């Protein structure tokens, strides 16, 4: 079992109904962590994470300890006890 601190903002926070929570899951990768979020928070989280069936929506950033997983090993990025995983929407401004 891996225990992490899950932080979220915007639409993901509305779906999860939390801004921060400890999440414990079986596994050691981002992919397994996301499966636990879907199990815990239901269909709303599934639709947010992959609205068109993709592995992870391009409109979502997932950071581990402040680093974007797509600059690491993507969904196969290892997750360790105590990591801080942030799930946030892509934003733009001008």
N, C-alpha and C. Protein backbone atom coordinates (compact mmCIF):
# COMPACT_ATOMS: atom_id res chain seq x y z
N UNK A 1 0.84 -1.19 0.00
CA UNK A 1 0.00 0.00 0.00
C UNK A 1 0.89 1.25 0.00
N UNK A 2 0.49 2.21 -0.79
CA UNK A 2 1.19 3.48 -0.89
C UNK A 2 0.25 4.57 -0.39
N UNK A 3 0.79 5.46 0.47
CA UNK A 3 -0.03 6.56 0.99
C UNK A 3 0.58 7.88 0.52
N UNK A 4 -0.26 8.72 -0.12
CA UNK A 4 0.19 10.01 -0.64
C UNK A 4 -0.76 11.11 -0.17
N UNK A 5 -0.30 12.34 -0.32
CA UNK A 5 -1.16 13.50 -0.08
C UNK A 5 -1.66 13.96 -1.44
N UNK A 6 -2.97 13.94 -1.62
CA UNK A 6 -3.62 14.33 -2.87
C UNK A 6 -4.12 15.75 -2.72
N UNK A 7 -3.70 16.63 -3.63
CA UNK A 7 -4.16 18.02 -3.64
C UNK A 7 -4.80 18.31 -4.98
N UNK A 8 -5.87 19.08 -4.95
CA UNK A 8 -6.54 19.38 -6.21
C UNK A 8 -7.24 20.74 -6.14
N UNK A 9 -7.54 21.27 -7.32
CA UNK A 9 -8.11 22.60 -7.46
C UNK A 9 -9.11 22.59 -8.60
N UNK A 10 -9.99 23.57 -8.65
CA UNK A 10 -10.91 23.73 -9.77
C UNK A 10 -11.84 22.55 -9.95
N UNK A 11 -12.12 22.18 -11.22
CA UNK A 11 -13.06 21.08 -11.49
C UNK A 11 -12.71 19.76 -10.77
N UNK A 12 -11.43 19.35 -10.71
CA UNK A 12 -11.15 18.11 -9.97
C UNK A 12 -11.56 18.20 -8.50
N UNK A 13 -11.41 19.36 -7.89
CA UNK A 13 -11.80 19.53 -6.48
C UNK A 13 -13.31 19.45 -6.33
N UNK A 14 -14.03 19.99 -7.30
CA UNK A 14 -15.50 19.91 -7.24
C UNK A 14 -15.97 18.46 -7.35
N UNK A 15 -15.32 17.68 -8.20
CA UNK A 15 -15.70 16.26 -8.34
C UNK A 15 -15.37 15.50 -7.06
N UNK A 16 -14.16 15.71 -6.53
CA UNK A 16 -13.72 14.98 -5.33
C UNK A 16 -14.34 15.52 -4.05
N UNK A 17 -14.83 16.76 -4.11
CA UNK A 17 -15.40 17.44 -2.94
C UNK A 17 -14.37 17.63 -1.82
N UNK A 18 -13.10 17.71 -2.21
CA UNK A 18 -12.01 18.01 -1.28
C UNK A 18 -10.95 18.79 -2.05
N UNK A 19 -10.15 19.54 -1.31
CA UNK A 19 -8.98 20.20 -1.91
C UNK A 19 -7.71 19.45 -1.53
N UNK A 20 -7.81 18.65 -0.49
CA UNK A 20 -6.64 17.91 -0.02
C UNK A 20 -7.12 16.68 0.76
N UNK A 21 -6.46 15.54 0.52
CA UNK A 21 -6.83 14.32 1.23
C UNK A 21 -5.67 13.34 1.17
N UNK A 22 -5.56 12.50 2.19
CA UNK A 22 -4.63 11.38 2.12
C UNK A 22 -5.31 10.28 1.33
N UNK A 23 -4.57 9.70 0.39
CA UNK A 23 -5.09 8.60 -0.41
C UNK A 23 -4.14 7.42 -0.28
N UNK A 24 -4.68 6.27 0.07
CA UNK A 24 -3.91 5.03 0.15
C UNK A 24 -4.39 4.12 -0.96
N UNK A 25 -3.43 3.52 -1.68
CA UNK A 25 -3.81 2.66 -2.81
C UNK A 25 -2.82 1.52 -2.98
N UNK A 26 -3.30 0.46 -3.61
CA UNK A 26 -2.44 -0.67 -3.97
C UNK A 26 -1.70 -0.29 -5.24
N UNK A 27 -0.39 -0.31 -5.20
CA UNK A 27 0.38 -0.02 -6.40
C UNK A 27 1.46 1.00 -6.15
N UNK A 28 2.22 1.26 -7.22
CA UNK A 28 3.38 2.13 -7.10
C UNK A 28 3.56 3.05 -8.29
N UNK A 29 2.51 3.25 -9.11
CA UNK A 29 2.63 4.13 -10.27
C UNK A 29 1.47 5.12 -10.33
N UNK A 30 1.65 6.15 -11.14
CA UNK A 30 0.59 7.14 -11.35
C UNK A 30 -0.66 6.45 -11.90
N UNK A 31 -0.49 5.51 -12.81
CA UNK A 31 -1.63 4.79 -13.39
C UNK A 31 -2.47 4.14 -12.30
N UNK A 32 -1.82 3.50 -11.33
CA UNK A 32 -2.54 2.83 -10.24
C UNK A 32 -3.17 3.85 -9.29
N UNK A 33 -2.51 4.99 -9.10
CA UNK A 33 -3.08 6.06 -8.29
C UNK A 33 -4.37 6.59 -8.93
N UNK A 34 -4.34 6.81 -10.24
CA UNK A 34 -5.53 7.31 -10.94
C UNK A 34 -6.67 6.31 -10.87
N UNK A 35 -6.36 5.03 -10.94
CA UNK A 35 -7.40 3.99 -10.81
C UNK A 35 -8.07 4.09 -9.45
N UNK A 36 -7.28 4.38 -8.41
CA UNK A 36 -7.85 4.54 -7.07
C UNK A 36 -8.74 5.78 -6.99
N UNK A 37 -8.31 6.89 -7.62
CA UNK A 37 -9.16 8.09 -7.64
C UNK A 37 -10.50 7.79 -8.29
N UNK A 38 -10.48 7.05 -9.39
CA UNK A 38 -11.73 6.70 -10.07
C UNK A 38 -12.60 5.82 -9.19
N UNK A 39 -11.99 4.87 -8.49
CA UNK A 39 -12.75 4.00 -7.60
C UNK A 39 -13.36 4.81 -6.46
N UNK A 40 -12.54 5.71 -5.90
CA UNK A 40 -12.97 6.47 -4.72
C UNK A 40 -13.98 7.57 -5.06
N UNK A 41 -13.78 8.26 -6.18
CA UNK A 41 -14.61 9.43 -6.50
C UNK A 41 -15.59 9.20 -7.65
N UNK A 42 -15.59 8.02 -8.24
CA UNK A 42 -16.64 7.62 -9.17
C UNK A 42 -16.53 8.12 -10.60
N UNK A 43 -17.67 8.02 -11.26
CA UNK A 43 -17.77 8.31 -12.69
C UNK A 43 -17.39 9.75 -13.03
N UNK A 44 -17.70 10.68 -12.14
CA UNK A 44 -17.34 12.07 -12.39
C UNK A 44 -15.84 12.24 -12.55
N UNK A 45 -15.06 11.54 -11.72
CA UNK A 45 -13.60 11.62 -11.82
C UNK A 45 -13.14 10.94 -13.11
N UNK A 46 -13.74 9.81 -13.45
CA UNK A 46 -13.38 9.11 -14.70
C UNK A 46 -13.59 10.01 -15.91
N UNK A 47 -14.73 10.69 -15.96
CA UNK A 47 -15.04 11.58 -17.09
C UNK A 47 -14.07 12.76 -17.14
N UNK A 48 -13.66 13.24 -15.99
CA UNK A 48 -12.72 14.35 -15.94
C UNK A 48 -11.33 13.91 -16.41
N UNK A 49 -10.89 12.73 -15.98
CA UNK A 49 -9.55 12.25 -16.32
C UNK A 49 -9.42 11.83 -17.77
N UNK A 50 -10.46 11.21 -18.34
CA UNK A 50 -10.41 10.76 -19.73
C UNK A 50 -11.76 10.95 -20.42
N UNK A 51 -12.10 12.20 -20.73
CA UNK A 51 -13.42 12.47 -21.31
C UNK A 51 -13.65 11.83 -22.68
N UNK A 52 -12.57 11.58 -23.42
CA UNK A 52 -12.71 10.96 -24.74
C UNK A 52 -12.04 9.58 -24.79
N UNK A 53 -11.85 8.98 -23.63
CA UNK A 53 -11.27 7.65 -23.57
C UNK A 53 -9.75 7.61 -23.59
N UNK A 54 -9.11 8.77 -23.63
CA UNK A 54 -7.65 8.81 -23.65
C UNK A 54 -7.09 8.41 -22.29
N UNK A 55 -5.79 8.13 -22.23
CA UNK A 55 -5.16 7.71 -20.98
C UNK A 55 -5.28 8.79 -19.90
N UNK A 56 -5.04 10.05 -20.27
CA UNK A 56 -5.20 11.18 -19.36
C UNK A 56 -5.48 12.41 -20.21
N UNK A 57 -6.53 13.13 -19.88
CA UNK A 57 -6.93 14.31 -20.63
C UNK A 57 -5.78 15.31 -20.74
N UNK A 58 -5.65 15.91 -21.93
CA UNK A 58 -4.64 16.95 -22.12
C UNK A 58 -5.02 18.24 -21.39
N UNK A 59 -6.20 18.27 -20.80
CA UNK A 59 -6.65 19.44 -20.05
C UNK A 59 -6.39 19.32 -18.56
N UNK A 60 -5.65 18.27 -18.17
CA UNK A 60 -5.32 18.02 -16.77
C UNK A 60 -3.80 17.94 -16.61
N UNK A 61 -3.28 18.63 -15.62
CA UNK A 61 -1.87 18.47 -15.22
C UNK A 61 -1.84 17.61 -13.98
N UNK A 62 -0.91 16.67 -13.94
CA UNK A 62 -0.70 15.86 -12.76
C UNK A 62 0.75 16.04 -12.34
N UNK A 63 0.94 16.56 -11.15
CA UNK A 63 2.28 16.83 -10.63
C UNK A 63 2.59 15.92 -9.45
N UNK A 64 3.82 15.43 -9.41
CA UNK A 64 4.30 14.70 -8.23
C UNK A 64 5.40 15.54 -7.62
N UNK A 65 5.17 15.96 -6.40
CA UNK A 65 6.13 16.82 -5.70
C UNK A 65 6.52 18.02 -6.57
N UNK A 66 5.53 18.58 -7.28
CA UNK A 66 5.73 19.78 -8.07
C UNK A 66 6.25 19.56 -9.48
N UNK A 67 6.48 18.30 -9.89
CA UNK A 67 7.02 18.02 -11.23
C UNK A 67 5.95 17.34 -12.08
N UNK A 68 5.76 17.85 -13.30
CA UNK A 68 4.77 17.30 -14.22
C UNK A 68 5.18 15.88 -14.63
N UNK A 69 4.23 14.94 -14.55
CA UNK A 69 4.55 13.54 -14.87
C UNK A 69 4.98 13.37 -16.32
N UNK A 70 4.59 14.26 -17.22
CA UNK A 70 4.96 14.12 -18.62
C UNK A 70 6.41 14.52 -18.86
N UNK A 71 7.09 15.06 -17.85
CA UNK A 71 8.53 15.31 -17.93
C UNK A 71 9.27 14.21 -17.19
N UNK A 72 8.53 13.20 -16.76
CA UNK A 72 9.11 12.04 -16.07
C UNK A 72 8.76 10.81 -16.91
N UNK A 73 8.06 9.86 -16.35
CA UNK A 73 7.71 8.63 -17.10
C UNK A 73 6.22 8.53 -17.38
N UNK A 74 5.53 9.66 -17.43
CA UNK A 74 4.10 9.66 -17.73
C UNK A 74 3.31 8.86 -16.72
N UNK A 75 2.37 8.08 -17.19
CA UNK A 75 1.51 7.30 -16.29
C UNK A 75 2.27 6.19 -15.57
N UNK A 76 3.46 5.87 -16.05
CA UNK A 76 4.28 4.84 -15.40
C UNK A 76 5.26 5.44 -14.39
N UNK A 77 5.14 6.73 -14.12
CA UNK A 77 5.99 7.39 -13.13
C UNK A 77 5.78 6.73 -11.77
N UNK A 78 6.87 6.37 -11.10
CA UNK A 78 6.74 5.76 -9.77
C UNK A 78 6.18 6.75 -8.74
N UNK A 79 5.41 6.22 -7.81
CA UNK A 79 4.85 6.98 -6.70
C UNK A 79 5.33 6.33 -5.41
N UNK A 80 5.80 7.16 -4.47
CA UNK A 80 6.30 6.65 -3.19
C UNK A 80 5.46 7.17 -2.03
N UNK A 81 5.51 6.44 -0.92
CA UNK A 81 4.87 6.92 0.31
C UNK A 81 5.31 8.34 0.59
N UNK A 82 4.35 9.18 0.94
CA UNK A 82 4.65 10.55 1.31
C UNK A 82 4.70 11.54 0.16
N UNK A 83 4.62 11.06 -1.09
CA UNK A 83 4.62 11.99 -2.22
C UNK A 83 3.38 12.89 -2.15
N UNK A 84 3.52 14.08 -2.71
CA UNK A 84 2.39 15.00 -2.85
C UNK A 84 1.99 14.98 -4.33
N UNK A 85 0.76 14.55 -4.60
CA UNK A 85 0.27 14.48 -5.97
C UNK A 85 -0.80 15.54 -6.15
N UNK A 86 -0.55 16.44 -7.10
CA UNK A 86 -1.48 17.53 -7.38
C UNK A 86 -2.14 17.29 -8.73
N UNK A 87 -3.45 17.43 -8.76
CA UNK A 87 -4.24 17.27 -9.98
C UNK A 87 -4.92 18.60 -10.22
N UNK A 88 -4.59 19.24 -11.35
CA UNK A 88 -5.16 20.56 -11.60
C UNK A 88 -5.47 20.76 -13.07
N UNK A 89 -6.42 21.62 -13.35
CA UNK A 89 -6.79 21.88 -14.73
C UNK A 89 -5.75 22.77 -15.41
N UNK A 90 -5.60 22.59 -16.72
CA UNK A 90 -4.76 23.47 -17.51
C UNK A 90 -5.44 24.83 -17.53
N UNK A 91 -4.66 25.88 -17.36
CA UNK A 91 -5.21 27.23 -17.42
C UNK A 91 -4.41 28.05 -18.42
N UNK A 92 -5.04 29.06 -18.97
CA UNK A 92 -4.38 29.95 -19.91
C UNK A 92 -4.82 31.36 -19.62
N UNK A 93 -4.01 32.27 -19.99
CA UNK A 93 -4.36 33.66 -19.77
C UNK A 93 -3.67 34.54 -20.79
N UNK A 94 -3.98 35.77 -20.73
CA UNK A 94 -3.35 36.64 -21.72
C UNK A 94 -3.23 38.04 -21.19
